[in-house]
Structure formats: structure tokens, C-alpha cells
Amino acid sequence: MARVRLTKTLVDELQPPDKGQSFIWDSDVPGFAVRATASGAKAWVVQMRVRGGKERRMVIGFCHKVPLDKARIEARKVIAAADLGRDPAQERREAREVKPDTNPTLTEFAERWMEEVAGRRNRAGTIKNRRLLLKNHILPHLGEKRLADIGRRDVEDMHHRVSQKFPVAANRAVSLCSALFATAERWGLLTENPATKVERNTEEGRERYLTPEEIARLQTALDQSPAQDSADVVRLLLLTGARVGEVLAMRWDQADLAAGVWSKPAATTKQNKTHRVPLSPAAVAVLAKRQQAAKTSPWVFPGREGPAHHMTTVRTFWTAVCKRAGIQAVRIHDLRHTFASLLVSSGESLPVVGALLGHTQAKTTSRYAHLLDDPLRRAAERVAAITSGGKL
């Protein structure tokens, strides 16, 4: 679509179409436009792509009420929200459906939030964790209070009490409260979010990578295990760096073994975006072996309930195989970190590692930056050897 820089003069002189509606798209903010209808009405609109690749278009305001500069600013905010995984158009519709004079208890509101917001946006594992946070930590302290009666001191007291035994869970509880209250504020039930500016507990980043020796022992333990379905899950986790939920939900129609490519659908990825990744020959070999033994199930790892279901966990298997391999203090998610650490330590760039892991933000991959020290040092030493004529 053609774009021009929108100006007040251009908008004022814009003539209505004979029928329907017409648009002039702004060159400064892609997705921002002025819309004119046959009735003569002019409005600022913004078009964006939200989760799952859907396109949304929403009206920011009428041109005679909202100045162009403010409309541009609002358009940028809306587009940024969509880029972060939100759906501003859907949020506006939800806000219109809410009765502003209601004041439910946090228990009542949390149940509605879990169904209407989390149920639409979050994966099953995230929903389960959020329900546990509500049940075990948040609602016992705040559940009977009405939304408008909850203040920042109440949230801080809840955080303090939970922190006595579960300091990390206390931080997660505050984050969940903030998400709940942000929705309540958006729906007109609150005027401010009482969970903002609540001081959190310090958390130390957990970094655990398998050593080459541990990887060798793990491979031996996997080969010796009678549960080869679960063993293949772990093999693919180590060979692809994928999340366990992505591997368990893998379908045969997502894997092109001839091309060596796995296309993860948006519904199974954390970023809610399709992620296309190459498969190494070793990973293809694991899949090819499984394909030869496959029956009628569309799943690479069918569940015990029948061909319509896939495996949902390998937690018990992982505990047993780690014990057999003599590996301690390793979560199954640490296989993903191990995959990344091996790439970085071998000299791969952080953007390449991020692309393989499906990271959408560079700062997520930057946690592995310190692992670049050795390959960078070797590169620097090679340059030094050349420039000094071998005299070091």
C-alpha cells in the first residue's frame, strides 16, 4: 500500500469516497492511517498483527477530536503492545463488556481472569502454575478482599509472608497480582495498580550446564534405559535445544526429515510465533528411527491414552535417568541451556544461538555472552600470532 507522511492539511483536505471507506497510510508510523467514510467521517486507525499472525484494525479516535501528533503517539503504543504479544483490539472489546460499578472479591475476579484472559493467552503449563500461585499464596491472604479495598500495603504484606518460606514464589505472586490488577484497571474496576513498585526479593540467576563428561554418562544411561520413548525425548531436547513441551507436542507433519527442518507451530512456542529450525543429522536419525516404528498416531511421541493424545511429561524418567548417570542438580530445562552453551563455546554468535532457540529479544540470549570468552580469546591469540610474526 502506498504511504505518505500524514499532515493536518492533507487530512483536512481529504475528500470522502463515493462509497465505503478509503485509507491514507502514514509513512512515519507503519500501520497508522486516516480513514474516511462516505458519510464524511474521518478517524485515525491503526493496523497491527497480533498473536498467531492475525491482523487487527482499531480506531484510535476521530480526527476532529484527537490531534495528529497525539494519534501518532497512541498508534506507536498500540503497535508496541501487539509486538509484545498483547491484543489491544480484544482488550478494548473486553473493557466495554465490563460493568464499571462492580467490585468483586479478588477470588471472584481471579477466576474470571483465568478463564477470559489467561485461558486465551497462556499455554496449559502456564495456566497450571498460575492456578497454583493463586491457590497456595495469593488467595489465602487476599482472596476475600474486594478489589477496590486492596492497597499496596496489602500486596507487600502478602509478599512478606510468602517470602518467609518461598522467596521466589513470593516474587511470582506479586507479578501475577500485577497482571490481575492491570486487567482490572483496564476494565475500569480500579484506578491504579496496587502491585506496582512492590519491592521483590533478590534472585540469583541459575546457570547449570552439563559438562562433556556428564553428557557422555547421560548418553550411556539413555541407551541402557528400557523406556526408549522417553529416552528419545531427552535426546531431541539435547540435540535441538527445544523446550520439553515443544518436543512432546511434536507432530509428524511438522518435521521434514528430507530437508532436515522442524516447523514448530505458534501454539506450542513460548513466543506464540511459528519457529522454523534446522535439524542436525543426529536429530534426523532419532526421528527417522521413530518414524519407521510409528503406527497411526500423528504425534511423534504418542501417549498411552491412544493415538489422539501425545506424551505430556518425562519428569519421572528424567529423575531416574539422572540418578543412573550420576548427575545431580540438573533440571530437564537445563538441556536447553546446555545446547546453547555448547554453541557459544564453539564460537557461534549470539544472534545465531538466539535464532536456533527461538528467542525474539537479544537480551534473552545475552545470558550466554560470558561463554564467548574462550573462542574470542583464541581468535585474539591468532591475530596476535600473525601480527607479531610468531613472536609472543
Protein backbone atom coordinates (compact mmCIF):
# COMPACT_ATOMS: atom_id res chain seq x y z
CA MET A 1 0.00 0.00 0.00
CA ALA A 2 1.27 3.48 -0.82
CA ARG A 3 2.33 5.61 2.13
CA VAL A 4 2.73 9.36 2.60
CA ARG A 5 3.53 11.46 5.60
CA LEU A 6 0.22 12.45 7.13
CA THR A 7 -0.20 16.16 7.86
CA LYS A 8 -3.11 18.18 9.25
CA THR A 9 -3.53 19.92 5.89
CA LEU A 10 -3.65 16.64 3.98
CA VAL A 11 -6.24 15.22 6.38
CA ASP A 12 -8.36 18.38 6.33
CA GLU A 13 -8.42 18.30 2.51
CA LEU A 14 -9.18 14.58 2.31
CA GLN A 15 -12.42 14.04 0.42
CA PRO A 16 -14.87 11.26 1.35
CA PRO A 17 -15.12 8.31 -1.05
CA ASP A 18 -18.25 7.77 -3.14
CA LYS A 19 -19.00 4.64 -1.13
CA GLY A 20 -17.43 2.52 1.56
CA GLN A 21 -14.22 3.83 3.07
CA SER A 22 -10.77 4.91 1.98
CA PHE A 23 -7.42 5.00 3.78
CA ILE A 24 -4.22 7.03 3.59
CA TRP A 25 -1.37 5.22 5.32
CA ASP A 26 1.31 7.12 7.19
CA SER A 27 4.97 6.78 6.15
CA ASP A 28 6.25 7.76 9.61
CA VAL A 29 4.43 5.03 11.56
CA PRO A 30 3.76 1.87 9.51
CA GLY A 31 0.26 0.63 10.31
CA PHE A 32 -1.10 4.10 11.18
CA ALA A 33 -3.64 5.70 8.84
CA VAL A 34 -6.50 8.12 8.44
CA ARG A 35 -9.79 6.59 7.37
CA ALA A 36 -12.52 8.47 5.54
CA THR A 37 -16.03 7.12 5.07
CA ALA A 38 -18.72 8.02 2.55
CA SER A 39 -20.59 9.86 5.31
CA GLY A 40 -17.66 12.28 5.67
CA ALA A 41 -16.37 10.94 9.00
CA LYS A 42 -12.59 10.86 9.41
CA ALA A 43 -10.84 8.75 12.03
CA TRP A 44 -7.34 7.70 12.98
CA VAL A 45 -6.87 3.94 12.74
CA VAL A 46 -4.02 1.55 13.45
CA GLN A 47 -3.50 -1.88 11.93
CA MET A 48 -1.30 -4.48 13.61
CA ARG A 49 -0.51 -8.18 13.64
CA VAL A 50 -1.21 -9.93 16.94
CA ARG A 51 -0.62 -13.40 18.37
CA GLY A 52 -1.00 -16.19 15.86
CA GLY A 53 -0.44 -13.87 12.92
CA LYS A 54 -3.95 -12.38 12.98
CA GLU A 55 -4.40 -8.85 11.69
CA ARG A 56 -6.37 -6.38 13.80
CA ARG A 57 -7.53 -2.88 12.96
CA MET A 58 -8.80 -0.50 15.59
CA VAL A 59 -9.89 3.13 15.73
CA ILE A 60 -7.79 5.46 17.85
CA GLY A 61 -10.20 8.41 17.66
CA PHE A 62 -11.93 10.85 15.35
CA CYS A 63 -9.72 13.37 13.59
CA HIS A 64 -11.68 16.38 14.82
CA LYS A 65 -11.22 15.26 18.45
CA VAL A 66 -7.69 13.79 18.54
CA PRO A 67 -4.76 15.84 17.15
CA LEU A 68 -2.47 14.12 14.66
CA ASP A 69 0.61 14.16 16.92
CA LYS A 70 -1.27 12.51 19.80
CA ALA A 71 -2.80 9.95 17.43
CA ARG A 72 0.69 9.02 16.20
CA ILE A 73 1.92 8.53 19.76
CA GLU A 74 -1.06 6.33 20.59
CA ALA A 75 -0.56 4.32 17.40
CA ARG A 76 3.04 3.60 18.38
CA LYS A 77 1.86 2.40 21.81
CA VAL A 78 -0.75 0.10 20.29
CA ILE A 79 1.70 -1.38 17.78
CA ALA A 80 4.31 -1.89 20.53
CA ALA A 81 1.72 -3.68 22.68
CA ALA A 82 0.90 -6.00 19.79
CA ASP A 83 4.61 -6.68 19.22
CA LEU A 84 4.87 -7.76 22.87
CA GLY A 85 2.13 -10.36 22.39
CA ARG A 86 -0.94 -8.41 23.53
CA ASP A 87 -4.13 -7.85 21.54
CA PRO A 88 -5.17 -4.21 22.10
CA ALA A 89 -8.32 -4.55 19.99
CA GLN A 90 -9.52 -7.53 22.03
CA GLU A 91 -8.65 -5.75 25.27
CA ARG A 92 -10.80 -2.79 24.25
CA ARG A 93 -13.75 -5.08 23.50
CA GLU A 94 -13.33 -6.75 26.88
CA ALA A 95 -13.31 -3.39 28.64
CA ARG A 96 -16.62 -2.43 27.03
CA GLU A 97 -18.25 -5.63 28.33
CA VAL A 98 -17.32 -4.96 31.95
CA LYS A 99 -19.70 -3.21 34.33
CA PRO A 100 -17.64 -0.43 35.89
CA ASP A 101 -19.71 -0.33 39.10
CA THR A 102 -18.90 -3.90 40.20
CA ASN A 103 -16.40 -4.54 42.98
CA PRO A 104 -15.78 -8.30 43.16
CA THR A 105 -13.53 -10.07 45.61
CA LEU A 106 -10.08 -10.99 44.35
CA THR A 107 -11.15 -14.66 44.34
CA GLU A 108 -14.10 -13.88 42.07
CA PHE A 109 -12.08 -11.65 39.77
CA ALA A 110 -9.15 -14.09 39.61
CA GLU A 111 -11.44 -16.87 38.41
CA ARG A 112 -12.83 -14.68 35.67
CA TRP A 113 -9.33 -13.53 34.73
CA MET A 114 -8.08 -17.10 34.49
CA GLU A 115 -10.94 -18.03 32.15
CA GLU A 116 -11.16 -14.93 29.96
CA VAL A 117 -7.57 -13.68 29.88
CA ALA A 118 -5.12 -16.42 30.86
CA GLY A 119 -7.24 -19.11 29.22
CA ARG A 120 -6.95 -17.31 25.90
CA ARG A 121 -3.33 -16.18 26.08
CA ASN A 122 -1.43 -18.80 28.08
CA ARG A 123 -0.40 -22.37 27.48
CA ALA A 124 -1.64 -25.20 29.70
CA GLY A 125 1.56 -25.33 31.75
CA THR A 126 1.46 -21.60 32.49
CA ILE A 127 -2.20 -21.75 33.46
CA LYS A 128 -1.47 -24.62 35.84
CA ASN A 129 1.37 -22.69 37.51
CA ARG A 130 -0.76 -19.58 37.86
CA ARG A 131 -3.61 -21.51 39.46
CA LEU A 132 -1.13 -22.95 41.97
CA LEU A 133 0.19 -19.47 42.79
CA LEU A 134 -3.34 -18.24 43.37
CA LYS A 135 -4.36 -21.25 45.44
CA ASN A 136 -1.24 -21.55 47.60
CA HIS A 137 0.00 -18.00 48.04
CA ILE A 138 -2.25 -15.19 46.83
CA LEU A 139 -5.85 -16.06 47.67
CA PRO A 140 -5.18 -17.29 51.24
CA HIS A 141 -4.04 -13.72 52.04
CA LEU A 142 -6.04 -11.52 49.66
CA GLY A 143 -8.86 -13.66 48.27
CA GLU A 144 -11.67 -12.33 50.46
CA LYS A 145 -10.77 -8.69 49.96
CA ARG A 146 -12.66 -6.69 47.36
CA LEU A 147 -10.60 -5.27 44.52
CA ALA A 148 -11.10 -1.61 45.40
CA ASP A 149 -10.07 -2.32 49.01
CA ILE A 150 -6.68 -3.83 48.17
CA GLY A 151 -3.79 -1.42 48.59
CA ARG A 152 -0.06 -1.63 48.03
CA ARG A 153 0.48 -2.40 51.73
CA ASP A 154 -1.77 -5.49 51.39
CA VAL A 155 0.30 -6.77 48.49
CA GLU A 156 3.54 -6.08 50.36
CA ASP A 157 2.25 -7.96 53.41
CA MET A 158 1.34 -10.94 51.24
CA HIS A 159 4.78 -10.85 49.64
CA HIS A 160 6.49 -10.68 53.04
CA ARG A 161 4.57 -13.65 54.45
CA VAL A 162 5.12 -15.86 51.44
CA SER A 163 8.80 -14.85 51.32
CA GLN A 164 9.46 -16.44 54.71
CA LYS A 165 9.34 -19.90 53.12
CA PHE A 166 9.16 -19.33 49.36
CA PRO A 167 11.05 -16.16 48.35
CA VAL A 168 10.99 -16.88 44.61
CA ALA A 169 7.32 -17.86 44.64
CA ALA A 170 6.61 -14.62 46.51
CA ASN A 171 8.08 -12.65 43.59
CA ARG A 172 6.00 -14.64 41.11
CA ALA A 173 2.90 -14.00 43.21
CA VAL A 174 3.44 -10.23 43.05
CA SER A 175 3.93 -10.44 39.27
CA LEU A 176 0.67 -12.37 38.91
CA CYS A 177 -1.14 -9.87 41.13
CA SER A 178 0.19 -7.07 38.94
CA ALA A 179 -1.20 -8.79 35.83
CA LEU A 180 -4.59 -9.24 37.51
CA PHE A 181 -4.76 -5.65 38.69
CA ALA A 182 -3.61 -4.31 35.31
CA THR A 183 -6.60 -6.01 33.70
CA ALA A 184 -8.91 -4.69 36.43
CA GLU A 185 -7.57 -1.19 35.77
CA ARG A 186 -8.08 -1.61 32.03
CA TRP A 187 -11.64 -2.80 32.61
CA GLY A 188 -12.46 0.21 34.78
CA LEU A 189 -12.59 -1.67 38.09
CA LEU A 190 -9.50 0.03 39.54
CA THR A 191 -7.94 3.45 39.12
CA GLU A 192 -4.39 2.22 39.79
CA ASN A 193 -2.43 -1.00 40.12
CA PRO A 194 -1.56 -1.68 43.81
CA ALA A 195 1.08 -4.27 42.87
CA THR A 196 3.38 -1.76 41.15
CA LYS A 197 6.53 -0.60 42.95
CA VAL A 198 6.40 -3.54 45.36
CA GLU A 199 9.99 -4.43 46.20
CA ARG A 200 10.90 -8.00 45.21
CA ASN A 201 13.34 -10.46 46.72
CA THR A 202 16.77 -10.71 45.14
CA GLU A 203 17.09 -13.71 42.87
CA GLU A 204 20.36 -15.20 41.77
CA GLY A 205 20.42 -16.38 38.17
CA ARG A 206 20.66 -20.15 37.94
CA GLU A 207 23.16 -21.40 35.40
CA ARG A 208 23.70 -25.14 35.11
CA TYR A 209 25.21 -26.70 32.01
CA LEU A 210 26.10 -30.34 31.54
CA THR A 211 29.81 -30.97 31.19
CA PRO A 212 31.10 -33.19 28.34
CA GLU A 213 31.65 -35.95 30.89
CA GLU A 214 28.08 -35.65 32.17
CA ILE A 215 26.74 -35.68 28.60
CA ALA A 216 28.63 -38.90 27.92
CA ARG A 217 27.22 -40.52 31.07
CA LEU A 218 23.74 -39.30 30.17
CA GLN A 219 24.01 -40.83 26.69
CA THR A 220 25.03 -44.16 28.19
CA ALA A 221 22.14 -44.07 30.66
CA LEU A 222 19.70 -43.26 27.83
CA ASP A 223 20.98 -46.16 25.73
CA GLN A 224 20.58 -48.54 28.64
CA SER A 225 17.08 -47.37 29.60
CA PRO A 226 14.14 -49.68 28.78
CA ALA A 227 11.94 -46.58 28.26
CA GLN A 228 13.21 -45.60 24.83
CA ASP A 229 10.27 -43.31 24.03
CA SER A 230 11.23 -41.06 26.95
CA ALA A 231 14.90 -41.51 26.10
CA ASP A 232 14.23 -40.19 22.58
CA VAL A 233 12.53 -37.12 24.08
CA VAL A 234 15.66 -36.34 26.07
CA ARG A 235 17.89 -36.99 23.03
CA LEU A 236 15.92 -34.48 20.96
CA LEU A 237 15.99 -31.93 23.78
CA LEU A 238 19.78 -32.13 23.84
CA LEU A 239 20.10 -32.11 20.04
CA THR A 240 17.67 -29.25 19.33
CA GLY A 241 17.64 -27.03 22.43
CA ALA A 242 13.84 -27.08 22.25
CA ARG A 243 11.57 -26.77 25.25
CA VAL A 244 10.18 -30.02 26.60
CA GLY A 245 6.59 -29.03 25.76
CA GLU A 246 7.57 -28.38 22.16
CA VAL A 247 9.15 -31.81 21.75
CA LEU A 248 6.30 -33.66 23.47
CA ALA A 249 3.74 -31.93 21.21
CA MET A 250 5.73 -32.54 18.02
CA ARG A 251 3.74 -33.89 15.07
CA TRP A 252 4.98 -35.75 12.02
CA ASP A 253 3.53 -33.14 9.67
CA GLN A 254 5.80 -30.52 11.32
CA ALA A 255 9.00 -32.42 10.55
CA ASP A 256 10.51 -32.52 7.07
CA LEU A 257 13.16 -35.19 7.51
CA ALA A 258 14.32 -34.98 3.90
CA ALA A 259 15.05 -31.26 4.25
CA GLY A 260 16.07 -31.56 7.90
CA VAL A 261 13.65 -28.90 9.14
CA TRP A 262 11.23 -28.74 12.07
CA SER A 263 8.46 -26.11 11.86
CA LYS A 264 7.12 -25.52 15.37
CA PRO A 265 3.59 -24.08 15.28
CA ALA A 266 2.85 -20.91 17.22
CA ALA A 267 0.52 -22.79 19.57
CA THR A 268 3.44 -24.75 21.06
CA THR A 269 6.07 -22.00 21.35
CA LYS A 270 6.52 -19.64 24.27
CA GLN A 271 6.57 -16.60 21.97
CA ASN A 272 3.34 -17.68 20.23
CA LYS A 273 5.15 -17.47 16.91
CA THR A 274 5.95 -20.12 14.34
CA HIS A 275 9.59 -21.18 14.72
CA ARG A 276 11.36 -22.95 11.86
CA VAL A 277 14.62 -24.62 12.85
CA PRO A 278 17.10 -26.89 11.07
CA LEU A 279 17.61 -30.42 12.37
CA SER A 280 21.07 -31.90 12.68
CA PRO A 281 21.76 -35.33 11.11
CA ALA A 282 21.75 -36.83 14.61
CA ALA A 283 18.31 -35.37 15.33
CA VAL A 284 17.01 -36.57 11.95
CA ALA A 285 18.33 -40.05 12.77
CA VAL A 286 16.37 -40.13 16.04
CA LEU A 287 13.20 -39.08 14.24
CA ALA A 288 13.73 -41.44 11.31
CA LYS A 289 14.06 -44.37 13.68
CA ARG A 290 10.83 -43.38 15.39
CA GLN A 291 9.07 -42.87 12.06
CA GLN A 292 9.87 -46.40 10.98
CA ALA A 293 8.23 -47.72 14.14
CA ALA A 294 5.33 -45.26 14.00
CA LYS A 295 1.82 -46.61 13.63
CA THR A 296 -1.23 -44.44 13.03
CA SER A 297 -0.65 -41.61 15.51
CA PRO A 298 0.06 -38.10 14.14
CA TRP A 299 2.27 -37.49 17.19
CA VAL A 300 5.98 -38.20 17.25
CA PHE A 301 5.53 -39.19 20.91
CA PRO A 302 2.01 -40.65 21.24
CA GLY A 303 0.56 -41.01 24.73
CA ARG A 304 -0.77 -44.08 26.47
CA GLU A 305 -4.35 -42.82 26.13
CA GLY A 306 -4.38 -43.59 22.42
CA PRO A 307 -3.32 -42.14 19.05
CA ALA A 308 -5.30 -38.94 19.60
CA HIS A 309 -3.04 -37.89 22.51
CA HIS A 310 0.66 -37.24 22.98
CA MET A 311 3.01 -37.71 25.92
CA THR A 312 2.70 -34.93 28.46
CA THR A 313 5.67 -35.42 30.80
CA VAL A 314 9.01 -37.18 31.23
CA ARG A 315 9.64 -35.82 34.72
CA THR A 316 9.80 -39.19 36.48
CA PHE A 317 12.00 -40.62 33.72
CA TRP A 318 14.36 -37.63 33.92
CA THR A 319 14.83 -38.08 37.67
CA ALA A 320 15.59 -41.77 37.22
CA VAL A 321 18.00 -41.35 34.29
CA CYS A 322 19.93 -38.59 36.09
CA LYS A 323 20.32 -40.85 39.12
CA ARG A 324 21.53 -43.68 36.89
CA ALA A 325 24.03 -41.34 35.20
CA GLY A 326 25.25 -39.86 38.48
CA ILE A 327 24.17 -36.33 37.50
CA GLN A 328 22.94 -34.02 40.26
CA ALA A 329 21.05 -30.72 40.45
CA VAL A 330 20.03 -30.65 36.79
CA ARG A 331 16.55 -29.78 35.58
CA ILE A 332 15.37 -31.06 32.24
CA HIS A 333 15.20 -27.42 31.06
CA ASP A 334 18.96 -27.23 31.65
CA LEU A 335 19.38 -29.32 28.50
CA ARG A 336 18.28 -26.21 26.60
CA HIS A 337 20.95 -24.16 28.37
CA THR A 338 23.49 -26.89 27.64
CA PHE A 339 22.62 -26.79 23.93
CA ALA A 340 23.15 -23.01 23.91
CA SER A 341 26.37 -23.19 25.93
CA LEU A 342 27.89 -25.73 23.54
CA LEU A 343 27.07 -23.50 20.57
CA VAL A 344 28.51 -20.35 22.15
CA SER A 345 31.61 -22.11 23.45
CA SER A 346 32.30 -23.44 19.95
CA GLY A 347 32.29 -19.91 18.57
CA GLU A 348 28.74 -19.43 17.28
CA SER A 349 27.43 -15.87 17.51
CA LEU A 350 24.67 -14.93 19.94
CA PRO A 351 22.24 -14.00 17.11
CA VAL A 352 22.63 -17.49 15.62
CA VAL A 353 22.11 -19.10 19.03
CA GLY A 354 19.07 -16.92 19.64
CA ALA A 355 17.60 -17.88 16.27
CA LEU A 356 18.02 -21.59 16.99
CA LEU A 357 16.44 -21.22 20.43
CA GLY A 358 13.57 -19.11 19.11
CA HIS A 359 14.40 -16.02 21.17
CA THR A 360 12.65 -12.86 19.98
CA GLN A 361 14.75 -10.48 22.09
CA ALA A 362 18.54 -10.26 22.07
CA LYS A 363 18.70 -9.72 25.83
CA THR A 364 17.30 -13.21 26.38
CA THR A 365 20.30 -14.74 24.61
CA SER A 366 22.77 -12.33 26.26
CA ARG A 367 22.82 -14.56 29.37
CA TYR A 368 25.26 -16.76 27.42
CA ALA A 369 27.59 -13.90 26.44
CA HIS A 370 30.22 -14.77 29.05
CA LEU A 371 30.71 -18.13 27.35
CA LEU A 372 32.16 -16.31 24.34
CA ASP A 373 35.34 -15.53 26.32
CA ASP A 374 37.26 -18.65 25.25
CA PRO A 375 36.56 -18.51 21.48
CA LEU A 376 37.16 -14.76 21.50
CA ARG A 377 40.45 -15.27 23.33
CA ARG A 378 41.54 -17.89 20.80
CA ALA A 379 40.65 -15.51 17.96
CA ALA A 380 42.63 -12.71 19.59
CA GLU A 381 45.61 -15.02 20.04
CA ARG A 382 45.52 -15.95 16.35
CA VAL A 383 45.63 -12.28 15.39
CA ALA A 384 48.47 -11.68 17.84
CA ALA A 385 50.44 -14.57 16.33
CA ILE A 386 50.04 -13.11 12.85
CA THR A 387 50.87 -9.51 13.72
CA SER A 388 53.86 -10.40 15.86
CA GLY A 389 55.36 -12.78 13.33
CA GLY A 390 55.05 -15.64 15.74
CA LYS A 391 56.99 -13.76 18.44
CA LEU A 392 54.80 -13.66 21.51
